Amino acid sequence: MFKEFPMWVTHENGEQRVVESEEQLAALGGGWIRPERVDPVPADQKPEFQHYPKWVGSVLVNSAEEEAALAPADDRAVLIQIAAEKGIPIDRRWSADKIRAALEAA
């Protein structure tokens, strides 16, 4: 849960202080700068996030194909993951055969 105070503020001249409330900040006078607020972003939604390589059990895999080969899984789910990784547009309502055909055609 986010709490605004206590807050570390910086004066235009470089002086820094911790204030416990809005009233304390106002009592300092003008020229005090609040820190920039940045909304949190889940790690897997950051631009630098990489899905691979990753550990699956005790094996390091480098692609969706390698991950799919490790365990028998729902064929359609694996095909959807491969399409997403390769950037191939598909409709999640499609059958496994239709998704496989779209992957082969790309």
C-alpha atoms as a PDB file:
ATOM      1  CA  MET A   1       0.000   0.000   0.000  1.00  0.00           C
ATOM      2  CA  PHE A   2       1.402   3.393  -0.997  1.00  0.00           C
ATOM      3  CA  LYS A   3       1.946   6.024   1.699  1.00  0.00           C
ATOM      4  CA  GLU A   4       2.884   9.528   0.654  1.00  0.00           C
ATOM      5  CA  PHE A   5       4.529  10.393   3.969  1.00  0.00           C
ATOM      6  CA  PRO A   6       7.217  10.267   5.235  1.00  0.00           C
ATOM      7  CA  MET A   7       8.655  11.796   2.069  1.00  0.00           C
ATOM      8  CA  TRP A   8      12.191  12.782   1.088  1.00  0.00           C
ATOM      9  CA  VAL A   9      12.118  16.282  -0.448  1.00  0.00           C
ATOM     10  CA  THR A  10      14.872  18.286  -2.103  1.00  0.00           C
ATOM     11  CA  HIS A  11      15.248  22.062  -2.150  1.00  0.00           C
ATOM     12  CA  GLU A  12      16.221  23.892  -5.325  1.00  0.00           C
ATOM     13  CA  ASN A  13      19.608  24.636  -3.677  1.00  0.00           C
ATOM     14  CA  GLY A  14      20.274  20.892  -3.183  1.00  0.00           C
ATOM     15  CA  GLU A  15      19.393  20.581   0.517  1.00  0.00           C
ATOM     16  CA  GLN A  16      17.419  17.442   1.370  1.00  0.00           C
ATOM     17  CA  ARG A  17      15.001  16.642   4.205  1.00  0.00           C
ATOM     18  CA  VAL A  18      12.491  14.065   5.289  1.00  0.00           C
ATOM     19  CA  VAL A  19       9.031  15.444   6.075  1.00  0.00           C
ATOM     20  CA  GLU A  20       6.378  13.537   7.981  1.00  0.00           C
ATOM     21  CA  SER A  21       3.265  15.356   6.727  1.00  0.00           C
ATOM     22  CA  GLU A  22       1.845  17.856   4.268  1.00  0.00           C
ATOM     23  CA  GLU A  23       1.899  20.452   7.064  1.00  0.00           C
ATOM     24  CA  GLN A  24       5.652  19.966   7.639  1.00  0.00           C
ATOM     25  CA  LEU A  25       6.279  20.352   3.917  1.00  0.00           C
ATOM     26  CA  ALA A  26       4.241  23.571   3.795  1.00  0.00           C
ATOM     27  CA  ALA A  27       6.090  24.901   6.871  1.00  0.00           C
ATOM     28  CA  LEU A  28       9.431  24.569   5.055  1.00  0.00           C
ATOM     29  CA  GLY A  29       8.356  27.283   2.607  1.00  0.00           C
ATOM     30  CA  GLY A  30       8.733  27.390  -1.161  1.00  0.00           C
ATOM     31  CA  GLY A  31      11.358  25.810  -3.370  1.00  0.00           C
ATOM     32  CA  TRP A  32      10.997  22.240  -2.091  1.00  0.00           C
ATOM     33  CA  ILE A  33      10.547  19.586  -4.757  1.00  0.00           C
ATOM     34  CA  ARG A  34       8.584  16.378  -4.209  1.00  0.00           C
ATOM     35  CA  PRO A  35      10.088  13.172  -5.634  1.00  0.00           C
ATOM     36  CA  GLU A  36       8.776  12.017  -8.978  1.00  0.00           C
ATOM     37  CA  ARG A  37       6.120   9.334  -8.551  1.00  0.00           C
ATOM     38  CA  VAL A  38       6.440   6.343 -10.838  1.00  0.00           C
ATOM     39  CA  ASP A  39       3.650   3.808 -11.120  1.00  0.00           C
ATOM     40  CA  PRO A  40       4.839   0.228 -10.574  1.00  0.00           C
ATOM     41  CA  VAL A  41       4.920  -2.072 -13.596  1.00  0.00           C
ATOM     42  CA  PRO A  42       4.884  -5.871 -13.254  1.00  0.00           C
ATOM     43  CA  ALA A  43       8.227  -7.358 -14.261  1.00  0.00           C
ATOM     44  CA  ASP A  44       6.773  -9.373 -17.139  1.00  0.00           C
ATOM     45  CA  GLN A  45       5.268  -6.218 -18.682  1.00  0.00           C
ATOM     46  CA  LYS A  46       8.507  -4.202 -18.751  1.00  0.00           C
ATOM     47  CA  PRO A  47      10.050  -3.722 -22.211  1.00  0.00           C
ATOM     48  CA  GLU A  48      13.322  -5.366 -21.154  1.00  0.00           C
ATOM     49  CA  PHE A  49      11.583  -8.557 -19.907  1.00  0.00           C
ATOM     50  CA  GLN A  50      12.743 -11.725 -21.655  1.00  0.00           C
ATOM     51  CA  HIS A  51      10.712 -14.915 -21.618  1.00  0.00           C
ATOM     52  CA  TYR A  52      13.717 -17.038 -22.556  1.00  0.00           C
ATOM     53  CA  PRO A  53      16.067 -18.445 -21.473  1.00  0.00           C
ATOM     54  CA  LYS A  54      14.293 -19.803 -18.410  1.00  0.00           C
ATOM     55  CA  TRP A  55      14.408 -22.830 -16.171  1.00  0.00           C
ATOM     56  CA  VAL A  56      11.726 -25.470 -16.569  1.00  0.00           C
ATOM     57  CA  GLY A  57      12.315 -27.988 -13.829  1.00  0.00           C
ATOM     58  CA  SER A  58      16.027 -28.755 -14.008  1.00  0.00           C
ATOM     59  CA  VAL A  59      16.429 -27.847 -17.700  1.00  0.00           C
ATOM     60  CA  LEU A  60      17.330 -24.457 -19.164  1.00  0.00           C
ATOM     61  CA  VAL A  61      15.235 -23.787 -22.280  1.00  0.00           C
ATOM     62  CA  ASN A  62      15.796 -21.059 -24.880  1.00  0.00           C
ATOM     63  CA  SER A  63      12.510 -21.043 -26.778  1.00  0.00           C
ATOM     64  CA  ALA A  64       8.872 -22.037 -26.680  1.00  0.00           C
ATOM     65  CA  GLU A  65       9.673 -24.997 -28.915  1.00  0.00           C
ATOM     66  CA  GLU A  66      12.233 -26.352 -26.420  1.00  0.00           C
ATOM     67  CA  GLU A  67       9.806 -25.840 -23.554  1.00  0.00           C
ATOM     68  CA  ALA A  68       7.029 -27.641 -25.429  1.00  0.00           C
ATOM     69  CA  ALA A  69       9.320 -30.592 -26.135  1.00  0.00           C
ATOM     70  CA  LEU A  70      10.001 -31.170 -22.427  1.00  0.00           C
ATOM     71  CA  ALA A  71       6.574 -32.279 -21.318  1.00  0.00           C
ATOM     72  CA  PRO A  72       3.478 -33.510 -23.011  1.00  0.00           C
ATOM     73  CA  ALA A  73       1.125 -30.583 -22.899  1.00  0.00           C
ATOM     74  CA  ASP A  74      -2.008 -29.395 -24.558  1.00  0.00           C
ATOM     75  CA  ASP A  75      -0.980 -29.189 -28.228  1.00  0.00           C
ATOM     76  CA  ARG A  76      -3.166 -26.155 -28.892  1.00  0.00           C
ATOM     77  CA  ALA A  77      -1.740 -24.195 -25.929  1.00  0.00           C
ATOM     78  CA  VAL A  78       1.805 -24.867 -27.132  1.00  0.00           C
ATOM     79  CA  LEU A  79       0.918 -23.720 -30.656  1.00  0.00           C
ATOM     80  CA  ILE A  80      -0.623 -20.516 -29.275  1.00  0.00           C
ATOM     81  CA  GLN A  81       2.566 -19.849 -27.283  1.00  0.00           C
ATOM     82  CA  ILE A  82       4.773 -20.427 -30.334  1.00  0.00           C
ATOM     83  CA  ALA A  83       2.604 -18.099 -32.439  1.00  0.00           C
ATOM     84  CA  ALA A  84       2.829 -15.388 -29.766  1.00  0.00           C
ATOM     85  CA  GLU A  85       6.601 -15.745 -29.517  1.00  0.00           C
ATOM     86  CA  LYS A  86       6.995 -15.471 -33.301  1.00  0.00           C
ATOM     87  CA  GLY A  87       4.519 -12.583 -33.551  1.00  0.00           C
ATOM     88  CA  ILE A  88       2.165 -14.471 -35.838  1.00  0.00           C
ATOM     89  CA  PRO A  89      -1.418 -13.189 -35.493  1.00  0.00           C
ATOM     90  CA  ILE A  90      -3.907 -15.906 -34.653  1.00  0.00           C
ATOM     91  CA  ASP A  91      -7.378 -16.095 -33.153  1.00  0.00           C
ATOM     92  CA  ARG A  92      -7.454 -18.012 -29.861  1.00  0.00           C
ATOM     93  CA  ARG A  93     -10.770 -19.554 -30.935  1.00  0.00           C
ATOM     94  CA  TRP A  94      -9.038 -21.412 -33.791  1.00  0.00           C
ATOM     95  CA  SER A  95      -8.496 -25.165 -33.648  1.00  0.00           C
ATOM     96  CA  ALA A  96      -5.008 -26.607 -33.193  1.00  0.00           C
ATOM     97  CA  ASP A  97      -4.959 -27.615 -36.894  1.00  0.00           C
ATOM     98  CA  LYS A  98      -5.775 -24.105 -38.069  1.00  0.00           C
ATOM     99  CA  ILE A  99      -3.124 -22.562 -35.759  1.00  0.00           C
ATOM    100  CA  ARG A 100      -0.568 -25.136 -36.988  1.00  0.00           C
ATOM    101  CA  ALA A 101      -1.413 -24.209 -40.591  1.00  0.00           C
ATOM    102  CA  ALA A 102      -0.942 -20.501 -39.821  1.00  0.00           C
ATOM    103  CA  LEU A 103       2.464 -21.248 -38.262  1.00  0.00           C
ATOM    104  CA  GLU A 104       3.545 -23.308 -41.253  1.00  0.00           C
ATOM    105  CA  ALA A 105       2.368 -20.619 -43.682  1.00  0.00           C
ATOM    106  CA  ALA A 106       4.354 -17.877 -41.934  1.00  0.00           C
END
